[in-house]
Amino acid sequence: MVSIKALTALAFVTLASAASIQTRQSGYADPKSFGGSSLGYFPGNSNGEPLNIIVTGIGAADTFSSWYKAIGYGKECFGLHDGGAMQAYIDSRSLRDQEGEIRFAYGEDPDAEGSCLESAIGGSHFRFWQQQGTQAWFLAASREKTIFDHHDIVADGYDLDRDAIVKAATKSSSYKGKKFIATVSYVSGLLPSGSDGINHGIALDGRTAVLSVTVS
């Protein structure tokens, strides 16, 4: 007769194996499997912003940097950040500050001053975190207003900016000899839909864009 202890152990191994297979197939793990969430939060704000893009296939930090420069983005103006850090809980390290904030470059040199124009007039930007284990990059993308509007998010700014980044990423691009092209799949269930609990009261369609990037 099989003991309850043995059955419990078998069930645990089965669940762990299933989670491992899912991670290998998708290239990322659902933050909920760690007790986390696909929403990022600013300290003191109970409303979150969506981590609405997941980038797989480019685990190395320098390759990730080359990728976002290739699709037209760069560091913040002279590498300076003004404002608080968003926090996200996407792996076993629990809640962590954003690892960086990247802005649309408007043609500016991403290796020089950075994206100073976007910092002034607004536009596309994203914060990012790398998930431990899978090496996937989780992006919180949104389109913001000008500095005079305190960089508030435009109407439909979360889904709108997600789609803009996907459009750029799925075209062939290059940076310093590295060529990039991505395919996209849209996943439901990681994010909520609607505006309940979402910062600025902006509704989401509930879809996460998963980009699988090929480098050559």
N, C-alpha and C. Protein backbone atom coordinates (compact mmCIF):
# COMPACT_ATOMS: atom_id res chain seq x y z
N MET A 1 0.85 -1.20 0.00
CA MET A 1 0.00 0.00 0.00
C MET A 1 0.88 1.25 0.00
N VAL A 2 0.57 2.18 -0.88
CA VAL A 2 1.37 3.40 -0.97
C VAL A 2 0.98 4.36 0.14
N SER A 3 1.98 4.92 0.82
CA SER A 3 1.71 5.81 1.94
C SER A 3 1.30 7.19 1.45
N ILE A 4 0.62 7.93 2.33
CA ILE A 4 0.23 9.31 2.01
C ILE A 4 1.46 10.16 1.77
N LYS A 5 2.51 9.90 2.55
CA LYS A 5 3.75 10.67 2.41
C LYS A 5 4.34 10.47 1.01
N ALA A 6 4.32 9.21 0.54
CA ALA A 6 4.87 8.92 -0.79
C ALA A 6 4.03 9.57 -1.88
N LEU A 7 2.70 9.53 -1.72
CA LEU A 7 1.81 10.15 -2.70
C LEU A 7 2.01 11.66 -2.76
N THR A 8 2.20 12.27 -1.58
CA THR A 8 2.44 13.71 -1.51
C THR A 8 3.73 14.08 -2.22
N ALA A 9 4.77 13.28 -1.97
CA ALA A 9 6.06 13.53 -2.61
C ALA A 9 5.95 13.39 -4.12
N LEU A 10 5.21 12.36 -4.58
CA LEU A 10 5.03 12.15 -6.02
C LEU A 10 4.27 13.31 -6.66
N ALA A 11 3.25 13.79 -5.96
CA ALA A 11 2.47 14.92 -6.48
C ALA A 11 3.34 16.16 -6.61
N PHE A 12 4.20 16.39 -5.62
CA PHE A 12 5.09 17.55 -5.64
C PHE A 12 6.04 17.48 -6.82
N VAL A 13 6.63 16.28 -7.03
CA VAL A 13 7.56 16.09 -8.14
C VAL A 13 6.86 16.29 -9.47
N THR A 14 5.63 15.79 -9.58
CA THR A 14 4.85 15.93 -10.82
C THR A 14 4.57 17.40 -11.13
N LEU A 15 4.15 18.15 -10.11
CA LEU A 15 3.87 19.57 -10.30
C LEU A 15 5.13 20.34 -10.67
N ALA A 16 6.23 20.01 -9.99
CA ALA A 16 7.50 20.68 -10.28
C ALA A 16 7.95 20.40 -11.70
N SER A 17 7.78 19.14 -12.14
CA SER A 17 8.16 18.77 -13.50
C SER A 17 7.30 19.49 -14.53
N ALA A 18 6.00 19.59 -14.25
CA ALA A 18 5.09 20.30 -15.16
C ALA A 18 5.47 21.76 -15.28
N ALA A 19 5.80 22.38 -14.13
CA ALA A 19 6.21 23.79 -14.15
C ALA A 19 7.50 23.96 -14.94
N SER A 20 8.44 23.00 -14.77
CA SER A 20 9.70 23.07 -15.49
C SER A 20 9.50 22.94 -16.99
N ILE A 21 8.62 22.01 -17.40
CA ILE A 21 8.33 21.83 -18.82
C ILE A 21 7.70 23.09 -19.41
N GLN A 22 6.75 23.69 -18.65
CA GLN A 22 6.09 24.90 -19.13
C GLN A 22 7.10 26.03 -19.31
N THR A 23 8.05 26.15 -18.37
CA THR A 23 9.07 27.19 -18.46
C THR A 23 9.94 26.97 -19.69
N ARG A 24 10.36 25.73 -19.93
CA ARG A 24 11.21 25.44 -21.09
C ARG A 24 10.49 25.76 -22.39
N GLN A 25 9.21 25.48 -22.44
CA GLN A 25 8.45 25.70 -23.67
C GLN A 25 8.20 27.19 -23.92
N SER A 26 7.95 27.95 -22.88
CA SER A 26 7.58 29.35 -23.04
C SER A 26 8.76 30.30 -22.93
N GLY A 27 9.81 29.88 -22.22
CA GLY A 27 10.96 30.75 -22.02
C GLY A 27 10.84 31.66 -20.83
N TYR A 28 9.76 31.57 -20.08
CA TYR A 28 9.56 32.38 -18.88
C TYR A 28 8.69 31.58 -17.91
N ALA A 29 8.61 32.05 -16.68
CA ALA A 29 7.72 31.44 -15.69
C ALA A 29 6.71 32.48 -15.23
N ASP A 30 5.49 32.04 -15.00
CA ASP A 30 4.44 32.92 -14.49
C ASP A 30 4.84 33.41 -13.09
N PRO A 31 4.94 34.72 -12.88
CA PRO A 31 5.30 35.22 -11.55
C PRO A 31 4.41 34.69 -10.43
N LYS A 32 3.18 34.34 -10.75
CA LYS A 32 2.28 33.82 -9.71
C LYS A 32 2.80 32.51 -9.13
N SER A 33 3.62 31.77 -9.88
CA SER A 33 4.16 30.51 -9.38
C SER A 33 5.17 30.75 -8.25
N PHE A 34 5.64 31.98 -8.10
CA PHE A 34 6.54 32.35 -7.01
C PHE A 34 5.81 33.14 -5.91
N GLY A 35 4.50 33.31 -6.08
CA GLY A 35 3.75 34.16 -5.17
C GLY A 35 3.75 35.61 -5.59
N GLY A 36 4.19 35.87 -6.83
CA GLY A 36 4.29 37.23 -7.32
C GLY A 36 3.14 37.64 -8.22
N SER A 37 3.43 38.58 -9.12
CA SER A 37 2.38 39.17 -9.95
C SER A 37 3.00 39.77 -11.20
N SER A 38 2.19 39.93 -12.24
CA SER A 38 2.63 40.63 -13.45
C SER A 38 2.24 42.10 -13.43
N LEU A 39 2.06 42.63 -12.24
CA LEU A 39 1.86 44.07 -12.05
C LEU A 39 3.04 44.62 -11.25
N GLY A 40 3.50 45.79 -11.64
CA GLY A 40 4.53 46.49 -10.89
C GLY A 40 3.90 47.61 -10.07
N TYR A 41 4.52 47.92 -8.94
CA TYR A 41 3.94 48.90 -8.02
C TYR A 41 4.98 49.93 -7.59
N PHE A 42 4.52 51.16 -7.43
CA PHE A 42 5.32 52.18 -6.78
C PHE A 42 5.02 52.14 -5.29
N PRO A 43 6.03 52.29 -4.45
CA PRO A 43 5.80 52.27 -3.00
C PRO A 43 4.72 53.27 -2.60
N GLY A 44 3.78 52.83 -1.79
CA GLY A 44 2.71 53.69 -1.31
C GLY A 44 1.51 53.76 -2.23
N ASN A 45 1.56 53.06 -3.37
CA ASN A 45 0.45 53.07 -4.33
C ASN A 45 -0.08 51.65 -4.47
N SER A 46 -1.33 51.44 -4.15
CA SER A 46 -1.91 50.10 -4.21
C SER A 46 -2.35 49.71 -5.62
N ASN A 47 -2.32 50.66 -6.55
CA ASN A 47 -2.66 50.37 -7.95
C ASN A 47 -1.39 50.06 -8.74
N GLY A 48 -1.45 49.05 -9.58
CA GLY A 48 -0.26 48.60 -10.29
C GLY A 48 -0.24 48.97 -11.76
N GLU A 49 0.92 48.78 -12.38
CA GLU A 49 1.09 48.98 -13.81
C GLU A 49 1.53 47.65 -14.43
N PRO A 50 1.06 47.34 -15.64
CA PRO A 50 1.28 46.01 -16.20
C PRO A 50 2.69 45.76 -16.70
N LEU A 51 3.21 44.58 -16.38
CA LEU A 51 4.41 44.07 -17.03
C LEU A 51 3.89 43.36 -18.28
N ASN A 52 3.72 44.13 -19.33
CA ASN A 52 2.92 43.69 -20.47
C ASN A 52 3.70 43.13 -21.65
N ILE A 53 5.03 43.07 -21.51
CA ILE A 53 5.87 42.45 -22.54
C ILE A 53 6.88 41.54 -21.85
N ILE A 54 7.07 40.35 -22.38
CA ILE A 54 8.12 39.45 -21.92
C ILE A 54 9.02 39.15 -23.11
N VAL A 55 10.32 39.36 -22.93
CA VAL A 55 11.29 39.16 -24.01
C VAL A 55 12.12 37.92 -23.69
N THR A 56 12.12 36.95 -24.59
CA THR A 56 12.88 35.72 -24.41
C THR A 56 13.90 35.57 -25.54
N GLY A 57 14.92 34.77 -25.29
CA GLY A 57 15.92 34.47 -26.31
C GLY A 57 17.16 35.32 -26.25
N ILE A 58 17.19 36.33 -25.37
CA ILE A 58 18.37 37.21 -25.25
C ILE A 58 18.68 37.42 -23.78
N GLY A 59 19.19 36.39 -23.12
CA GLY A 59 19.42 36.45 -21.69
C GLY A 59 20.54 37.39 -21.26
N ALA A 60 21.59 37.51 -22.06
CA ALA A 60 22.73 38.34 -21.67
C ALA A 60 22.35 39.82 -21.65
N ALA A 61 22.80 40.53 -20.61
CA ALA A 61 22.43 41.94 -20.45
C ALA A 61 22.91 42.80 -21.61
N ASP A 62 24.12 42.53 -22.13
CA ASP A 62 24.63 43.35 -23.23
C ASP A 62 23.85 43.10 -24.52
N THR A 63 23.37 41.87 -24.70
CA THR A 63 22.54 41.57 -25.88
C THR A 63 21.18 42.23 -25.76
N PHE A 64 20.62 42.22 -24.56
CA PHE A 64 19.35 42.91 -24.32
C PHE A 64 19.49 44.40 -24.62
N SER A 65 20.61 44.98 -24.18
CA SER A 65 20.88 46.40 -24.44
C SER A 65 20.99 46.67 -25.94
N SER A 66 21.70 45.81 -26.64
CA SER A 66 21.82 45.97 -28.10
C SER A 66 20.46 45.84 -28.78
N TRP A 67 19.63 44.94 -28.26
CA TRP A 67 18.30 44.74 -28.85
C TRP A 67 17.45 46.00 -28.74
N TYR A 68 17.36 46.59 -27.55
CA TYR A 68 16.47 47.75 -27.44
C TYR A 68 17.03 48.95 -28.18
N LYS A 69 18.36 49.04 -28.30
CA LYS A 69 18.93 50.11 -29.11
C LYS A 69 18.62 49.88 -30.59
N ALA A 70 18.64 48.63 -31.02
CA ALA A 70 18.34 48.30 -32.42
C ALA A 70 16.92 48.69 -32.80
N ILE A 71 15.98 48.59 -31.86
CA ILE A 71 14.59 48.92 -32.20
C ILE A 71 14.24 50.37 -31.88
N GLY A 72 15.27 51.18 -31.55
CA GLY A 72 15.05 52.62 -31.45
C GLY A 72 14.97 53.20 -30.07
N TYR A 73 15.46 52.49 -29.05
CA TYR A 73 15.36 52.96 -27.67
C TYR A 73 16.75 53.18 -27.08
N GLY A 74 16.80 53.95 -26.01
CA GLY A 74 18.08 54.22 -25.36
C GLY A 74 17.92 54.50 -23.88
N LYS A 75 19.04 54.67 -23.23
CA LYS A 75 19.05 54.96 -21.79
C LYS A 75 18.40 56.31 -21.51
N GLU A 76 18.16 56.58 -20.25
CA GLU A 76 17.61 57.88 -19.87
C GLU A 76 18.63 58.98 -20.14
N CYS A 77 18.15 60.21 -20.22
CA CYS A 77 18.98 61.35 -20.58
C CYS A 77 20.23 61.42 -19.68
N PHE A 78 21.39 61.24 -20.29
CA PHE A 78 22.68 61.22 -19.59
C PHE A 78 22.70 60.21 -18.44
N GLY A 79 21.85 59.19 -18.55
CA GLY A 79 21.83 58.15 -17.54
C GLY A 79 21.23 58.56 -16.21
N LEU A 80 20.54 59.70 -16.20
CA LEU A 80 19.98 60.23 -14.95
C LEU A 80 18.52 59.84 -14.82
N HIS A 81 18.14 59.42 -13.61
CA HIS A 81 16.74 59.04 -13.36
C HIS A 81 16.14 59.95 -12.31
N ASP A 82 14.99 60.52 -12.63
CA ASP A 82 14.27 61.38 -11.69
C ASP A 82 12.94 60.71 -11.36
N GLY A 83 12.71 60.47 -10.10
CA GLY A 83 11.46 59.83 -9.70
C GLY A 83 11.72 58.51 -9.01
N GLY A 84 10.66 57.92 -8.49
CA GLY A 84 10.78 56.68 -7.74
C GLY A 84 10.96 55.47 -8.63
N ALA A 85 11.38 54.38 -8.01
CA ALA A 85 11.56 53.12 -8.73
C ALA A 85 10.32 52.26 -8.59
N MET A 86 9.86 51.70 -9.70
CA MET A 86 8.79 50.73 -9.64
C MET A 86 9.36 49.41 -9.12
N GLN A 87 8.53 48.65 -8.42
CA GLN A 87 8.95 47.37 -7.88
C GLN A 87 8.08 46.26 -8.46
N ALA A 88 8.69 45.10 -8.68
CA ALA A 88 7.95 43.95 -9.20
C ALA A 88 8.44 42.67 -8.53
N TYR A 89 7.55 41.69 -8.46
CA TYR A 89 7.81 40.40 -7.81
C TYR A 89 7.60 39.33 -8.88
N ILE A 90 8.70 38.95 -9.56
CA ILE A 90 8.57 38.03 -10.70
C ILE A 90 9.30 36.70 -10.50
N ASP A 91 10.05 36.56 -9.40
CA ASP A 91 10.77 35.31 -9.16
C ASP A 91 11.00 35.14 -7.66
N SER A 92 11.83 34.19 -7.29
CA SER A 92 12.01 33.84 -5.88
C SER A 92 12.71 34.93 -5.08
N ARG A 93 13.20 35.97 -5.73
CA ARG A 93 13.86 37.07 -5.01
C ARG A 93 12.86 38.07 -4.43
N SER A 94 11.59 37.81 -4.61
CA SER A 94 10.51 38.64 -4.06
C SER A 94 10.48 40.01 -4.74
N LEU A 95 10.00 41.02 -4.01
CA LEU A 95 9.81 42.35 -4.58
C LEU A 95 11.16 43.03 -4.81
N ARG A 96 11.37 43.52 -6.03
CA ARG A 96 12.64 44.17 -6.38
C ARG A 96 12.40 45.45 -7.16
N ASP A 97 13.31 46.43 -6.97
CA ASP A 97 13.27 47.65 -7.77
C ASP A 97 13.54 47.34 -9.23
N GLN A 98 13.01 48.19 -10.10
CA GLN A 98 13.31 48.08 -11.53
C GLN A 98 14.82 48.09 -11.75
N GLU A 99 15.27 47.36 -12.76
CA GLU A 99 16.69 47.31 -13.07
C GLU A 99 17.11 48.45 -13.99
N GLY A 100 16.15 49.08 -14.61
CA GLY A 100 16.45 50.20 -15.48
C GLY A 100 15.19 50.75 -16.11
N GLU A 101 15.32 51.92 -16.73
CA GLU A 101 14.21 52.55 -17.44
C GLU A 101 14.73 53.03 -18.78
N ILE A 102 14.04 52.64 -19.83
CA ILE A 102 14.50 52.87 -21.20
C ILE A 102 13.45 53.69 -21.95
N ARG A 103 13.92 54.63 -22.78
CA ARG A 103 13.01 55.55 -23.45
C ARG A 103 13.24 55.54 -24.96
N PHE A 104 12.18 55.84 -25.70
CA PHE A 104 12.30 55.95 -27.15
C PHE A 104 13.29 57.05 -27.48
N ALA A 105 14.22 56.77 -28.42
CA ALA A 105 15.36 57.67 -28.63
C ALA A 105 15.09 58.82 -29.59
N TYR A 106 14.01 58.77 -30.38
CA TYR A 106 13.73 59.82 -31.37
C TYR A 106 14.95 60.12 -32.23
N GLY A 107 15.74 59.10 -32.54
CA GLY A 107 16.91 59.28 -33.39
C GLY A 107 18.17 59.72 -32.67
N GLU A 108 18.09 59.99 -31.38
CA GLU A 108 19.28 60.39 -30.63
C GLU A 108 20.23 59.20 -30.48
N ASP A 109 21.51 59.48 -30.29
CA ASP A 109 22.52 58.44 -30.15
C ASP A 109 22.35 57.74 -28.81
N PRO A 110 21.99 56.45 -28.79
CA PRO A 110 21.77 55.76 -27.52
C PRO A 110 23.04 55.56 -26.71
N ASP A 111 24.21 55.68 -27.37
CA ASP A 111 25.48 55.52 -26.66
C ASP A 111 26.06 56.84 -26.19
N ALA A 112 25.40 57.94 -26.52
CA ALA A 112 25.90 59.26 -26.11
C ALA A 112 25.03 59.82 -25.00
N GLU A 113 24.22 60.82 -25.34
CA GLU A 113 23.43 61.49 -24.30
C GLU A 113 22.25 60.66 -23.82
N GLY A 114 21.78 59.75 -24.67
CA GLY A 114 20.60 58.98 -24.30
C GLY A 114 19.34 59.65 -24.83
N SER A 115 18.22 59.28 -24.26
CA SER A 115 16.91 59.71 -24.78
C SER A 115 16.42 60.97 -24.07
N CYS A 116 17.06 62.08 -24.34
CA CYS A 116 16.71 63.33 -23.66
C CYS A 116 15.39 63.90 -24.17
N LEU A 117 15.12 63.75 -25.46
CA LEU A 117 13.90 64.32 -26.02
C LEU A 117 12.66 63.65 -25.44
N GLU A 118 12.70 62.32 -25.31
CA GLU A 118 11.55 61.62 -24.73
C GLU A 118 11.31 62.06 -23.30
N SER A 119 12.39 62.32 -22.56
CA SER A 119 12.24 62.78 -21.18
C SER A 119 11.48 64.09 -21.11
N ALA A 120 11.57 64.90 -22.17
CA ALA A 120 10.90 66.20 -22.20
C ALA A 120 9.50 66.12 -22.79
N ILE A 121 9.37 65.51 -23.96
CA ILE A 121 8.08 65.56 -24.67
C ILE A 121 7.23 64.32 -24.45
N GLY A 122 7.78 63.31 -23.78
CA GLY A 122 7.02 62.10 -23.53
C GLY A 122 7.09 61.12 -24.69
N GLY A 123 6.32 60.05 -24.57
CA GLY A 123 6.31 59.02 -25.60
C GLY A 123 6.47 57.64 -25.00
N SER A 124 7.08 56.76 -25.77
CA SER A 124 7.21 55.36 -25.39
C SER A 124 8.37 55.15 -24.43
N HIS A 125 8.13 54.37 -23.39
CA HIS A 125 9.22 54.00 -22.48
C HIS A 125 8.85 52.72 -21.76
N PHE A 126 9.85 52.07 -21.19
CA PHE A 126 9.57 50.86 -20.41
C PHE A 126 10.59 50.70 -19.29
N ARG A 127 10.12 50.09 -18.22
CA ARG A 127 10.98 49.65 -17.12
C ARG A 127 11.19 48.15 -17.28
N PHE A 128 12.29 47.63 -16.72
CA PHE A 128 12.54 46.21 -16.94
C PHE A 128 13.15 45.52 -15.73
N TRP A 129 12.90 44.20 -15.70
CA TRP A 129 13.46 43.29 -14.70
C TRP A 129 13.82 42.00 -15.43
N GLN A 130 14.87 41.32 -14.99
CA GLN A 130 15.18 40.00 -15.54
C GLN A 130 14.78 38.93 -14.55
N GLN A 131 14.11 37.91 -15.05
CA GLN A 131 13.64 36.82 -14.19
C GLN A 131 14.77 35.81 -13.96
N GLN A 132 15.03 35.54 -12.71
CA GLN A 132 16.06 34.58 -12.34
C GLN A 132 15.67 33.18 -12.82
N GLY A 133 16.62 32.45 -13.35
CA GLY A 133 16.35 31.09 -13.81
C GLY A 133 16.05 31.05 -15.30
N THR A 134 14.97 31.70 -15.73
CA THR A 134 14.60 31.68 -17.15
C THR A 134 15.41 32.69 -17.96
N GLN A 135 15.91 33.74 -17.31
CA GLN A 135 16.62 34.84 -17.96
C GLN A 135 15.73 35.68 -18.87
N ALA A 136 14.42 35.50 -18.77
CA ALA A 136 13.50 36.33 -19.56
C ALA A 136 13.47 37.75 -18.99
N TRP A 137 13.20 38.70 -19.85
CA TRP A 137 13.09 40.10 -19.45
C TRP A 137 11.62 40.49 -19.40
N PHE A 138 11.18 41.04 -18.27
CA PHE A 138 9.81 41.50 -18.10
C PHE A 138 9.80 43.02 -18.23
N LEU A 139 8.99 43.53 -19.14
CA LEU A 139 8.93 44.96 -19.43
C LEU A 139 7.59 45.54 -19.02
N ALA A 140 7.63 46.67 -18.33
CA ALA A 140 6.43 47.44 -18.03
C ALA A 140 6.41 48.62 -18.99
N ALA A 141 5.71 48.47 -20.10
CA ALA A 141 5.71 49.47 -21.17
C ALA A 141 4.50 50.38 -21.06
N SER A 142 4.72 51.66 -21.29
CA SER A 142 3.61 52.62 -21.30
C SER A 142 4.01 53.85 -22.10
N ARG A 143 3.00 54.56 -22.58
CA ARG A 143 3.24 55.80 -23.31
C ARG A 143 2.84 56.96 -22.42
N GLU A 144 3.77 57.89 -22.22
CA GLU A 144 3.55 58.96 -21.26
C GLU A 144 3.42 60.32 -21.91
N LYS A 145 2.84 61.24 -21.15
CA LYS A 145 2.68 62.62 -21.58
C LYS A 145 3.99 63.39 -21.34
N THR A 146 3.96 64.68 -21.60
CA THR A 146 5.17 65.50 -21.47
C THR A 146 5.55 65.70 -20.01
N ILE A 147 6.74 66.24 -19.83
CA ILE A 147 7.22 66.53 -18.48
C ILE A 147 6.32 67.57 -17.81
N PHE A 148 5.69 68.45 -18.62
CA PHE A 148 4.80 69.46 -18.06
C PHE A 148 3.49 68.85 -17.57
N ASP A 149 3.19 67.65 -18.04
CA ASP A 149 2.02 66.90 -17.57
C ASP A 149 2.43 65.83 -16.56
N HIS A 150 3.64 66.01 -16.01
CA HIS A 150 4.15 65.11 -14.96
C HIS A 150 4.29 63.67 -15.43
N HIS A 151 4.47 63.51 -16.74
CA HIS A 151 4.65 62.17 -17.32
C HIS A 151 3.50 61.22 -16.98
N ASP A 152 2.29 61.76 -16.85
CA ASP A 152 1.13 60.89 -16.69
C ASP A 152 0.97 60.02 -17.94
N ILE A 153 0.26 58.91 -17.80
CA ILE A 153 0.09 57.99 -18.92
C ILE A 153 -1.07 58.46 -19.81
N VAL A 154 -0.88 58.37 -21.13
CA VAL A 154 -1.93 58.77 -22.06
C VAL A 154 -3.07 57.75 -22.02
N ALA A 155 -4.21 58.12 -22.58
CA ALA A 155 -5.35 57.20 -22.64
C ALA A 155 -4.95 55.92 -23.39
N ASP A 156 -5.29 54.79 -22.81
CA ASP A 156 -4.95 53.48 -23.38
C ASP A 156 -3.44 53.30 -23.52
N GLY A 157 -2.69 54.00 -22.66
CA GLY A 157 -1.23 54.06 -22.83
C GLY A 157 -0.47 52.78 -22.57
N TYR A 158 -1.05 51.85 -21.83
CA TYR A 158 -0.35 50.58 -21.56
C TYR A 158 -0.42 49.65 -22.78
N ASP A 159 -1.63 49.37 -23.23
CA ASP A 159 -1.79 48.49 -24.40
C ASP A 159 -1.20 49.14 -25.65
N LEU A 160 -1.38 50.45 -25.78
CA LEU A 160 -0.89 51.18 -26.95
C LEU A 160 0.63 51.06 -27.07
N ASP A 161 1.33 51.22 -25.96
CA ASP A 161 2.79 51.18 -26.03
C ASP A 161 3.30 49.75 -26.18
N ARG A 162 2.62 48.82 -25.55
CA ARG A 162 2.97 47.41 -25.77
C ARG A 162 2.97 47.09 -27.25
N ASP A 163 1.90 47.49 -27.93
CA ASP A 163 1.76 47.18 -29.35
C ASP A 163 2.79 47.92 -30.20
N ALA A 164 3.18 49.12 -29.79
CA ALA A 164 4.19 49.88 -30.54
C ALA A 164 5.55 49.20 -30.45
N ILE A 165 5.90 48.71 -29.27
CA ILE A 165 7.18 48.03 -29.10
C ILE A 165 7.17 46.71 -29.86
N VAL A 166 6.06 45.99 -29.82
CA VAL A 166 5.95 44.74 -30.58
C VAL A 166 6.13 45.01 -32.07
N LYS A 167 5.51 46.06 -32.57
CA LYS A 167 5.62 46.40 -33.99
C LYS A 167 7.07 46.65 -34.38
N ALA A 168 7.80 47.37 -33.53
CA ALA A 168 9.21 47.64 -33.81
C ALA A 168 10.05 46.38 -33.72
N ALA A 169 9.74 45.53 -32.74
CA ALA A 169 10.56 44.34 -32.50
C ALA A 169 10.38 43.26 -33.56
N THR A 170 9.22 43.22 -34.18
CA THR A 170 8.95 42.17 -35.17
C THR A 170 9.41 42.56 -36.58
N LYS A 171 10.05 43.70 -36.70
CA LYS A 171 10.73 44.07 -37.94
C LYS A 171 12.22 43.79 -37.78
N SER A 172 12.89 43.46 -38.86
CA SER A 172 14.32 43.22 -38.81
C SER A 172 15.05 44.50 -38.42
N SER A 173 15.98 44.40 -37.46
CA SER A 173 16.73 45.57 -37.01
C SER A 173 18.15 45.13 -36.68
N SER A 174 19.05 46.08 -36.52
CA SER A 174 20.43 45.73 -36.21
C SER A 174 21.09 46.81 -35.38
N TYR A 175 22.12 46.40 -34.67
CA TYR A 175 22.90 47.35 -33.87
C TYR A 175 24.31 46.81 -33.74
N LYS A 176 25.27 47.56 -34.27
CA LYS A 176 26.69 47.23 -34.19
C LYS A 176 26.98 45.78 -34.56
N GLY A 177 26.44 45.39 -35.70
CA GLY A 177 26.74 44.06 -36.24
C GLY A 177 25.82 42.95 -35.79
N LYS A 178 24.98 43.21 -34.79
CA LYS A 178 24.02 42.20 -34.34
C LYS A 178 22.67 42.46 -35.00
N LYS A 179 22.11 41.41 -35.58
CA LYS A 179 20.81 41.52 -36.23
C LYS A 179 19.75 40.85 -35.36
N PHE A 180 18.59 41.48 -35.30
CA PHE A 180 17.51 41.00 -34.44
C PHE A 180 16.21 40.89 -35.23
N ILE A 181 15.45 39.87 -34.92
CA ILE A 181 14.09 39.74 -35.42
C ILE A 181 13.31 38.95 -34.37
N ALA A 182 12.07 39.31 -34.15
CA ALA A 182 11.27 38.65 -33.12
C ALA A 182 9.94 38.17 -33.69
N THR A 183 9.44 37.12 -33.10
CA THR A 183 8.06 36.71 -33.33
C THR A 183 7.30 36.97 -32.04
N VAL A 184 6.00 37.15 -32.15
CA VAL A 184 5.20 37.49 -30.97
C VAL A 184 4.04 36.52 -30.80
N SER A 185 3.75 36.21 -29.57
CA SER A 185 2.51 35.50 -29.22
C SER A 185 1.88 36.27 -28.06
N TYR A 186 0.57 36.28 -28.03
CA TYR A 186 -0.14 37.00 -26.97
C TYR A 186 -0.74 35.99 -25.99
N VAL A 187 -0.48 36.22 -24.72
CA VAL A 187 -0.88 35.29 -23.67
C VAL A 187 -1.88 35.97 -22.75
N SER A 188 -2.95 35.28 -22.44
CA SER A 188 -3.93 35.76 -21.46
C SER A 188 -3.73 35.02 -20.14
N GLY A 189 -4.12 35.65 -19.05
CA GLY A 189 -4.06 35.01 -17.75
C GLY A 189 -2.94 35.49 -16.85
N LEU A 190 -1.93 36.15 -17.42
CA LEU A 190 -0.88 36.72 -16.59
C LEU A 190 -1.33 38.05 -16.00
N LEU A 191 -2.05 38.83 -16.79
CA LEU A 191 -2.53 40.15 -16.38
C LEU A 191 -4.05 40.15 -16.26
N PRO A 192 -4.58 41.04 -15.41
CA PRO A 192 -6.04 41.21 -15.37
C PRO A 192 -6.50 42.02 -16.57
N SER A 193 -7.77 42.00 -16.84
CA SER A 193 -8.35 42.89 -17.85
C SER A 193 -9.21 43.92 -17.12
N GLY A 194 -9.41 45.06 -17.78
CA GLY A 194 -10.17 46.13 -17.15
C GLY A 194 -9.27 47.09 -16.40
N SER A 195 -9.88 48.00 -15.67
CA SER A 195 -9.13 49.07 -15.00
C SER A 195 -9.05 48.92 -13.49
N ASP A 196 -9.72 47.92 -12.93
CA ASP A 196 -9.72 47.75 -11.48
C ASP A 196 -8.32 47.43 -10.98
N GLY A 197 -7.82 48.25 -10.07
CA GLY A 197 -6.50 48.04 -9.49
C GLY A 197 -5.34 48.49 -10.36
N ILE A 198 -5.64 49.19 -11.47
CA ILE A 198 -4.61 49.64 -12.40
C ILE A 198 -4.34 51.13 -12.21
N ASN A 199 -3.08 51.50 -12.19
CA ASN A 199 -2.69 52.89 -11.97
C ASN A 199 -3.30 53.80 -13.04
N HIS A 200 -3.73 54.97 -12.63
CA HIS A 200 -4.36 55.98 -13.48
C HIS A 200 -5.74 55.56 -13.98
N GLY A 201 -6.24 54.40 -13.54
CA GLY A 201 -7.57 53.95 -13.96
C GLY A 201 -7.66 53.61 -15.43
N ILE A 202 -6.54 53.23 -16.04
CA ILE A 202 -6.51 52.93 -17.47
C ILE A 202 -6.76 51.44 -17.68
N ALA A 203 -7.73 51.11 -18.50
CA ALA A 203 -8.11 49.71 -18.72
C ALA A 203 -7.07 48.95 -19.54
N LEU A 204 -6.93 47.67 -19.23
CA LEU A 204 -6.07 46.75 -19.97
C LEU A 204 -6.92 45.76 -20.74
N ASP A 205 -6.39 45.25 -21.84
CA ASP A 205 -7.10 44.18 -22.54
C ASP A 205 -6.75 42.80 -21.98
N GLY A 206 -5.81 42.76 -21.03
CA GLY A 206 -5.47 41.52 -20.35
C GLY A 206 -4.45 40.65 -21.06
N ARG A 207 -3.88 41.15 -22.16
CA ARG A 207 -2.94 40.34 -22.92
C ARG A 207 -1.49 40.75 -22.65
N THR A 208 -0.63 39.77 -22.55
CA THR A 208 0.81 39.98 -22.44
C THR A 208 1.46 39.57 -23.76
N ALA A 209 2.30 40.42 -24.31
CA ALA A 209 3.03 40.10 -25.54
C ALA A 209 4.32 39.38 -25.18
N VAL A 210 4.49 38.17 -25.68
CA VAL A 210 5.71 37.40 -25.45
C VAL A 210 6.53 37.43 -26.74
N LEU A 211 7.67 38.10 -26.68
CA LEU A 211 8.55 38.23 -27.84
C LEU A 211 9.65 37.18 -27.77
N SER A 212 9.76 36.40 -28.81
CA SER A 212 10.86 35.44 -28.93
C SER A 212 11.85 36.01 -29.94
N VAL A 213 13.01 36.44 -29.43
CA VAL A 213 13.97 37.17 -30.26
C VAL A 213 15.06 36.24 -30.78
N THR A 214 15.36 36.37 -32.06
CA THR A 214 16.46 35.65 -32.68
C THR A 214 17.58 36.63 -32.99
N VAL A 215 18.81 36.26 -32.63
CA VAL A 215 19.97 37.11 -32.84
C VAL A 215 20.89 36.45 -33.86
N SER A 216 21.41 37.23 -34.79
CA SER A 216 22.37 36.68 -35.75
C SER A 216 23.48 37.69 -36.02
